[in-house]
Amino acid sequence: MNESTILHSEKKLYVAFELGNKSWHLAFSDGQRQRQKVVTARSTKEVSQEIARAKAKFGLPPETPAVSCYEAGRDGFWLHRFLILAGIGNIVVDSASILVDRRVRRTKTDRLDATALLDMLIRFARGETRVWRVVRVPDETVEDERRLHRERERLVKEQGQHRTRLRALLTTQGVSIRGSVRPARVTDVRDWRGQPLPAQLQSELLRECQRLEIVEKQVAELDRQILEAQRSGQGPIAQQSRKLVELRSLGPISARTLSSEVFGWRKYRNGKEVGASAGLTGSPYNSGSSMREQGISKAGNRRVRATMVELAWSWLRYQPDSGLSAWYRSRFGVGQRARRIGIVALARRLLVALWRYLEHGIVPAGAVLRSA
């Protein structure tokens, strides 16, 4: 029995998970009665036992299908995969899409949260598909493919933190150094009076430099692995990465991010779905005589959104004769503020154009390939 059959079956057991670090609250219902149980966190054995007991408690046959849900978060998707293997139709819910009552001060407990999830699960299974947003779960291979560029993203941010800390420490002594601060330079630095830096400050600077060097080496190693995966990989993500870098302005890091985060594992029906996946769609506010645009929704993949804004600036530089660049210059070419606003619109159009390039082989109008 597949997941769709389970969801639309008449008689079923509903299960809602409220996940904690030490314990999980499980809320059960047969559509009329409810019960709750607490199990040890991450204990699949206890979960299976409680599901069987709930069926017996409600007088349901053991073969009765079950449908469950939990909010996406720290536990990731392993629980989803376990439930699917166990024959339970599971839904991973975007927690930000769950509506809450704003009329009174909100009461929040694990029991109440589990009950609220259970009520919405029953409504969802009965056809109210807009009660929340369902998270698309990637397969394990795709999820593992994401780790390289996501780890690199964290390390690059840490790299910037170390460099900022080094400059901040030197600024406290009236010192400003151009270029990188390295261990060999620390002992030669002089403060505002022309005197050597205090001994403890020198030691702290040396330790900070050592941490920075470790992070830089790890970033360089990840760059090498990403480039190697792009050159020799055989999966759809590697193939799409190779195709993307054929366009000028796209490098291996941005190509890897786009292929593994948005293009390599999901299917889209049109450009609107592509733009929405990155949160690059508009959010108008039209009520009565009030009509204004609130900006992009940001209800999508933030990594893809940030990558596309960077790529939009790069596209203007390396693809100046393309149709997208001409459209941007004619629409937003005057004024710095207009250019910053327009770059987001260009990012959305570019994302849709890249999807068409990968999906249908349509090269963006006027774009130049590296092989050309």
Protein backbone atom coordinates (compact mmCIF):
# COMPACT_ATOMS: atom_id res chain seq x y z
CA MET A 1 0.00 0.00 0.00
CA ASN A 2 1.55 3.32 -1.08
CA GLU A 3 1.51 6.62 0.82
CA SER A 4 -1.32 8.12 -1.27
CA THR A 5 -3.55 5.10 -0.62
CA ILE A 6 -2.90 5.34 3.11
CA LEU A 7 -3.77 9.05 3.21
CA HIS A 8 -7.12 8.56 1.45
CA SER A 9 -8.16 5.34 3.17
CA GLU A 10 -11.45 5.63 5.11
CA LYS A 11 -10.38 3.98 8.36
CA LYS A 12 -6.95 4.83 9.62
CA LEU A 13 -4.93 5.66 12.71
CA TYR A 14 -3.66 9.23 12.96
CA VAL A 15 -0.35 9.83 14.74
CA ALA A 16 1.25 13.20 15.51
CA PHE A 17 4.82 13.47 16.82
CA GLU A 18 6.02 16.31 19.04
CA LEU A 19 9.77 15.73 19.02
CA GLY A 20 12.02 16.66 21.94
CA ASN A 21 15.61 15.97 22.83
CA LYS A 22 14.86 13.53 25.67
CA SER A 23 11.28 12.44 25.03
CA TRP A 24 8.67 12.41 22.28
CA HIS A 25 4.95 13.07 22.74
CA LEU A 26 2.78 10.89 20.50
CA ALA A 27 -0.85 11.87 19.95
CA PHE A 28 -3.19 9.21 18.49
CA SER A 29 -6.70 9.35 17.09
CA ASP A 30 -9.10 7.20 15.09
CA GLY A 31 -10.93 10.32 13.90
CA GLN A 32 -13.14 10.51 17.02
CA ARG A 33 -11.23 9.56 20.17
CA GLN A 34 -7.75 10.67 21.18
CA ARG A 35 -4.96 9.46 23.44
CA GLN A 36 -1.37 10.53 24.11
CA LYS A 37 1.75 8.69 25.15
CA VAL A 38 5.34 9.74 25.93
CA VAL A 39 8.24 7.64 24.63
CA THR A 40 11.99 7.88 24.80
CA ALA A 41 13.38 10.12 22.06
CA ARG A 42 14.60 8.25 18.97
CA SER A 43 13.32 4.88 20.25
CA THR A 44 11.81 3.28 17.16
CA LYS A 45 10.91 0.19 19.16
CA GLU A 46 8.73 2.17 21.58
CA VAL A 47 7.12 4.07 18.70
CA SER A 48 6.14 0.81 16.98
CA GLN A 49 4.80 -0.62 20.24
CA GLU A 50 2.67 2.46 20.99
CA ILE A 51 1.21 2.48 17.48
CA ALA A 52 0.16 -1.16 17.89
CA ARG A 53 -1.33 -0.42 21.34
CA ALA A 54 -3.24 2.57 19.97
CA LYS A 55 -4.86 0.39 17.29
CA ALA A 56 -5.88 -2.11 19.94
CA LYS A 57 -7.19 0.66 22.23
CA PHE A 58 -9.39 2.10 19.46
CA GLY A 59 -10.54 -1.35 18.36
CA LEU A 60 -8.84 -1.11 14.97
CA PRO A 61 -7.52 -4.22 13.21
CA PRO A 62 -3.70 -4.56 13.18
CA GLU A 63 -3.65 -4.09 9.40
CA THR A 64 -5.36 -0.67 9.66
CA PRO A 65 -3.21 1.89 7.83
CA ALA A 66 -1.63 4.69 9.84
CA VAL A 67 -0.73 8.22 8.80
CA SER A 68 1.60 10.43 10.82
CA CYS A 69 3.25 13.84 10.83
CA TYR A 70 5.97 15.81 12.57
CA GLU A 71 7.52 19.24 12.21
CA ALA A 72 10.77 19.58 10.25
CA GLY A 73 13.67 20.42 12.53
CA ARG A 74 16.73 19.07 14.26
CA ASP A 75 15.88 15.39 13.77
CA GLY A 76 15.98 15.74 10.00
CA PHE A 77 14.38 13.09 7.81
CA TRP A 78 15.54 9.80 9.32
CA LEU A 79 12.25 9.40 11.22
CA HIS A 80 10.31 9.96 7.99
CA ARG A 81 12.28 7.20 6.29
CA PHE A 82 11.74 4.84 9.21
CA LEU A 83 7.98 5.44 9.18
CA ILE A 84 7.73 4.94 5.43
CA LEU A 85 9.62 1.64 5.69
CA ALA A 86 7.23 0.64 8.47
CA GLY A 87 4.27 1.17 6.12
CA ILE A 88 3.13 4.44 7.72
CA GLY A 89 2.26 7.36 5.45
CA ASN A 90 4.22 10.20 6.98
CA ILE A 91 4.20 13.96 6.33
CA VAL A 92 6.99 16.33 7.29
CA VAL A 93 5.48 19.73 8.05
CA ASP A 94 7.02 23.18 7.62
CA SER A 95 6.55 24.56 11.14
CA ALA A 96 6.52 28.18 9.91
CA SER A 97 3.38 27.44 7.87
CA ILE A 98 1.29 26.39 10.88
CA LEU A 99 -1.30 29.02 11.83
CA VAL A 100 -1.68 30.04 15.49
CA ASP A 101 -4.45 31.92 17.30
CA ARG A 102 -3.41 35.55 17.82
CA ARG A 103 -6.44 36.65 19.86
CA VAL A 104 -5.05 35.69 23.25
CA ARG A 105 -1.72 34.95 24.89
CA ARG A 106 -0.59 31.65 23.48
CA THR A 107 -0.30 28.65 25.79
CA LYS A 108 2.38 26.23 24.68
CA THR A 109 3.14 22.74 25.99
CA ASP A 110 4.25 19.56 24.26
CA ARG A 111 0.84 18.01 24.92
CA LEU A 112 -1.02 20.96 23.40
CA ASP A 113 1.34 21.11 20.41
CA ALA A 114 0.86 17.39 19.74
CA THR A 115 -2.92 17.80 19.96
CA ALA A 116 -2.86 20.74 17.53
CA LEU A 117 -0.73 18.77 15.06
CA LEU A 118 -3.09 15.81 15.34
CA ASP A 119 -6.15 17.97 14.63
CA MET A 120 -4.51 19.47 11.54
CA LEU A 121 -3.36 16.05 10.37
CA ILE A 122 -6.95 14.79 10.44
CA ARG A 123 -8.10 17.85 8.49
CA PHE A 124 -5.27 17.40 5.97
CA ALA A 125 -6.06 13.71 5.45
CA ARG A 126 -9.71 14.60 4.86
CA GLY A 127 -8.89 17.01 2.06
CA GLU A 128 -7.96 20.37 3.65
CA THR A 129 -4.55 20.50 2.01
CA ARG A 130 -3.93 24.17 2.86
CA VAL A 131 -3.77 23.77 6.62
CA TRP A 132 0.03 23.72 6.32
CA ARG A 133 2.92 23.35 3.89
CA VAL A 134 4.45 19.92 3.38
CA VAL A 135 8.24 19.65 3.16
CA ARG A 136 9.62 17.76 0.17
CA VAL A 137 11.94 15.07 1.49
CA PRO A 138 15.07 14.34 -0.59
CA ASP A 139 16.42 10.84 -0.87
CA GLU A 140 19.50 9.96 1.17
CA THR A 141 21.90 10.28 -1.77
CA VAL A 142 20.78 13.82 -2.58
CA GLU A 143 20.85 14.80 1.08
CA ASP A 144 24.44 13.58 1.33
CA GLU A 145 25.39 15.46 -1.85
CA ARG A 146 24.45 18.73 -0.13
CA ARG A 147 26.99 18.37 2.64
CA LEU A 148 30.03 19.60 0.71
CA HIS A 149 28.77 23.06 -0.20
CA ARG A 150 26.84 23.50 3.05
CA GLU A 151 29.93 22.74 5.11
CA ARG A 152 31.90 25.12 2.91
CA GLU A 153 29.32 27.83 3.54
CA ARG A 154 29.74 27.45 7.31
CA LEU A 155 33.54 27.46 7.07
CA VAL A 156 33.61 30.57 4.88
CA LYS A 157 31.48 32.35 7.47
CA GLU A 158 33.83 31.15 10.23
CA GLN A 159 36.79 32.32 8.15
CA GLY A 160 35.34 35.82 8.05
CA GLN A 161 34.76 35.76 11.81
CA HIS A 162 38.42 34.94 12.50
CA ARG A 163 39.63 37.71 10.20
CA THR A 164 37.26 40.22 11.77
CA ARG A 165 38.45 39.19 15.24
CA LEU A 166 42.11 39.69 14.28
CA ARG A 167 41.45 43.16 12.95
CA ALA A 168 39.36 44.04 16.02
CA LEU A 169 42.16 42.97 18.39
CA LEU A 170 44.69 45.10 16.50
CA THR A 171 42.32 48.06 16.43
CA THR A 172 42.30 48.12 20.25
CA GLN A 173 46.01 49.02 20.03
CA GLY A 174 45.60 51.63 17.30
CA VAL A 175 46.93 49.29 14.61
CA SER A 176 45.59 48.80 11.08
CA ILE A 177 47.23 46.19 8.83
CA ARG A 178 46.63 45.74 5.14
CA GLY A 179 46.28 42.19 3.91
CA SER A 180 46.15 39.01 5.97
CA VAL A 181 47.44 38.79 9.51
CA ARG A 182 49.85 35.84 9.76
CA PRO A 183 51.83 34.43 12.71
CA ALA A 184 55.10 35.70 11.23
CA ARG A 185 53.78 39.26 11.20
CA VAL A 186 52.38 39.31 14.74
CA THR A 187 55.76 39.78 16.46
CA ASP A 188 56.64 42.63 14.10
CA VAL A 189 53.47 44.62 14.76
CA ARG A 190 53.86 47.83 16.75
CA ASP A 191 51.15 49.65 18.68
CA TRP A 192 50.23 53.33 18.44
CA ARG A 193 53.39 54.30 20.39
CA GLY A 194 55.68 52.19 18.23
CA GLN A 195 56.10 49.58 20.98
CA PRO A 196 55.68 45.78 20.63
CA LEU A 197 52.24 44.43 21.43
CA PRO A 198 51.61 43.08 24.97
CA ALA A 199 52.66 39.46 25.42
CA GLN A 200 49.18 38.07 26.14
CA LEU A 201 47.72 39.90 23.16
CA GLN A 202 50.42 38.45 20.92
CA SER A 203 49.58 34.96 22.19
CA GLU A 204 45.88 35.50 21.51
CA LEU A 205 46.66 36.78 18.01
CA LEU A 206 48.83 33.75 17.30
CA ARG A 207 46.09 31.34 18.40
CA GLU A 208 43.54 33.19 16.28
CA CYS A 209 45.90 32.99 13.28
CA GLN A 210 46.31 29.25 13.78
CA ARG A 211 42.54 28.72 13.85
CA LEU A 212 42.21 30.82 10.71
CA GLU A 213 44.85 28.74 8.91
CA ILE A 214 43.04 25.51 9.82
CA VAL A 215 39.75 26.85 8.43
CA GLU A 216 41.46 28.10 5.25
CA LYS A 217 42.97 24.66 4.65
CA GLN A 218 39.58 23.01 5.12
CA VAL A 219 37.92 25.45 2.70
CA ALA A 220 40.63 24.74 0.11
CA GLU A 221 40.12 20.98 0.57
CA LEU A 222 36.35 21.31 0.12
CA ASP A 223 36.88 23.38 -3.02
CA ARG A 224 39.06 20.59 -4.38
CA GLN A 225 36.45 17.94 -3.55
CA ILE A 226 33.64 19.96 -5.15
CA LEU A 227 35.67 20.45 -8.32
CA GLU A 228 36.59 16.75 -8.43
CA ALA A 229 32.96 15.71 -7.89
CA GLN A 230 31.90 17.97 -10.73
CA ARG A 231 34.52 16.59 -13.11
CA SER A 232 34.16 12.88 -12.39
CA GLY A 233 30.68 12.51 -10.86
CA GLN A 234 28.08 10.47 -12.74
CA GLY A 235 24.87 11.37 -10.91
CA PRO A 236 22.29 13.95 -12.02
CA ILE A 237 23.73 16.61 -9.69
CA ALA A 238 27.22 16.31 -11.20
CA GLN A 239 25.82 16.28 -14.73
CA GLN A 240 23.79 19.41 -14.12
CA SER A 241 26.77 21.12 -12.49
CA ARG A 242 28.88 20.46 -15.57
CA LYS A 243 26.16 21.85 -17.79
CA LEU A 244 25.69 24.97 -15.67
CA VAL A 245 29.38 25.91 -15.68
CA GLU A 246 29.28 25.95 -19.47
CA LEU A 247 27.57 29.32 -19.08
CA ARG A 248 29.86 32.24 -18.39
CA SER A 249 29.41 33.80 -14.92
CA LEU A 250 28.70 30.43 -13.21
CA GLY A 251 31.49 28.71 -11.30
CA PRO A 252 31.73 25.26 -9.72
CA ILE A 253 30.54 26.39 -6.27
CA SER A 254 27.39 28.16 -7.48
CA ALA A 255 26.68 25.36 -9.98
CA ARG A 256 26.98 22.76 -7.22
CA THR A 257 24.69 24.74 -4.92
CA LEU A 258 21.97 25.15 -7.54
CA SER A 259 22.08 21.58 -8.82
CA SER A 260 22.01 19.95 -5.36
CA GLU A 261 19.59 22.38 -3.68
CA VAL A 262 16.99 23.04 -6.36
CA PHE A 263 17.49 21.42 -9.79
CA GLY A 264 18.99 17.99 -9.19
CA TRP A 265 16.18 16.31 -7.25
CA ARG A 266 12.94 18.24 -7.77
CA LYS A 267 10.62 18.53 -10.75
CA TYR A 268 8.87 21.79 -11.54
CA ARG A 269 5.86 22.37 -13.76
CA ASN A 270 6.51 26.03 -14.57
CA GLY A 271 8.66 29.06 -13.81
CA LYS A 272 6.41 30.22 -10.97
CA GLU A 273 7.20 27.07 -9.00
CA VAL A 274 10.91 27.58 -9.63
CA GLY A 275 10.86 31.16 -8.34
CA ALA A 276 8.73 30.20 -5.34
CA SER A 277 11.17 27.45 -4.33
CA ALA A 278 13.76 30.17 -3.63
CA GLY A 279 11.33 32.65 -2.08
CA LEU A 280 11.87 35.10 -4.94
CA THR A 281 8.17 35.70 -5.63
CA GLY A 282 6.42 38.93 -4.73
CA SER A 283 4.13 39.44 -1.74
CA PRO A 284 1.56 42.13 -2.60
CA TYR A 285 -0.63 43.78 0.03
CA ASN A 286 -3.88 44.84 -1.64
CA SER A 287 -6.73 45.60 0.74
CA GLY A 288 -9.37 48.17 -0.08
CA SER A 289 -7.64 51.29 -1.36
CA SER A 290 -4.26 50.20 0.03
CA MET A 291 -2.09 48.68 -2.67
CA ARG A 292 1.61 48.12 -2.14
CA GLU A 293 4.33 45.55 -2.66
CA GLN A 294 5.97 44.13 0.48
CA GLY A 295 8.99 42.69 -1.30
CA ILE A 296 9.91 39.08 -1.96
CA SER A 297 8.28 36.42 0.18
CA LYS A 298 11.55 34.72 1.32
CA ALA A 299 9.46 31.58 1.87
CA GLY A 300 11.98 29.33 0.18
CA ASN A 301 15.54 28.04 0.16
CA ARG A 302 17.72 30.85 1.54
CA ARG A 303 20.93 29.35 0.09
CA VAL A 304 19.51 29.39 -3.41
CA ARG A 305 18.19 32.91 -2.90
CA ALA A 306 21.58 34.25 -1.76
CA THR A 307 23.38 32.39 -4.54
CA MET A 308 21.07 33.80 -7.19
CA VAL A 309 21.50 37.40 -6.03
CA GLU A 310 25.28 36.96 -6.26
CA LEU A 311 24.93 35.31 -9.66
CA ALA A 312 22.72 38.14 -10.90
CA TRP A 313 25.53 40.66 -10.30
CA SER A 314 28.00 38.26 -11.91
CA TRP A 315 25.66 37.79 -14.88
CA LEU A 316 25.60 41.53 -15.55
CA ARG A 317 29.40 41.56 -15.62
CA TYR A 318 30.12 38.46 -17.69
CA GLN A 319 26.97 38.33 -19.85
CA PRO A 320 26.48 42.03 -20.69
CA ASP A 321 24.96 41.33 -24.13
CA SER A 322 22.34 38.85 -22.95
CA GLY A 323 18.63 39.57 -23.04
CA LEU A 324 18.40 39.47 -19.25
CA SER A 325 21.14 42.08 -18.84
CA ALA A 326 19.50 44.33 -21.45
CA TRP A 327 16.16 44.02 -19.65
CA TYR A 328 17.78 44.95 -16.32
CA ARG A 329 19.56 48.00 -17.73
CA SER A 330 16.41 49.30 -19.41
CA ARG A 331 14.28 48.79 -16.30
CA PHE A 332 16.64 49.54 -13.41
CA GLY A 333 19.66 51.20 -14.97
CA VAL A 334 19.24 54.57 -13.23
CA GLY A 335 19.92 55.07 -9.52
CA GLN A 336 21.69 52.89 -6.97
CA ARG A 337 18.51 52.09 -5.03
CA ALA A 338 16.69 50.99 -8.18
CA ARG A 339 19.63 48.78 -9.14
CA ARG A 340 19.65 47.04 -5.74
CA ILE A 341 15.91 46.42 -5.93
CA GLY A 342 16.08 45.30 -9.54
CA ILE A 343 18.86 42.79 -8.94
CA VAL A 344 16.37 40.62 -7.04
CA ALA A 345 14.00 40.66 -10.00
CA LEU A 346 16.91 39.71 -12.25
CA ALA A 347 17.84 36.89 -9.86
CA ARG A 348 14.35 35.41 -10.20
CA ARG A 349 14.35 35.66 -14.00
CA LEU A 350 17.83 34.17 -14.14
CA LEU A 351 16.80 31.22 -11.94
CA VAL A 352 13.88 30.46 -14.25
CA ALA A 353 16.15 30.81 -17.30
CA LEU A 354 18.66 28.36 -15.80
CA TRP A 355 15.84 25.88 -15.13
CA ARG A 356 14.74 26.10 -18.76
CA TYR A 357 18.36 25.67 -19.84
CA LEU A 358 18.72 22.46 -17.82
CA GLU A 359 15.23 21.09 -18.38
CA HIS A 360 14.66 21.96 -22.04
CA GLY A 361 18.13 22.89 -23.33
CA ILE A 362 17.10 26.52 -24.00
CA VAL A 363 20.15 28.77 -23.69
CA PRO A 364 19.22 32.20 -22.22
CA ALA A 365 18.80 34.74 -25.01
CA GLY A 366 22.14 36.30 -25.95
CA ALA A 367 24.10 34.30 -23.37
CA VAL A 368 27.62 33.16 -24.21
CA LEU A 369 28.90 29.64 -23.49
CA ARG A 370 32.47 29.05 -22.35
CA SER A 371 33.07 26.78 -25.30
CA ALA A 372 31.98 29.49 -27.73
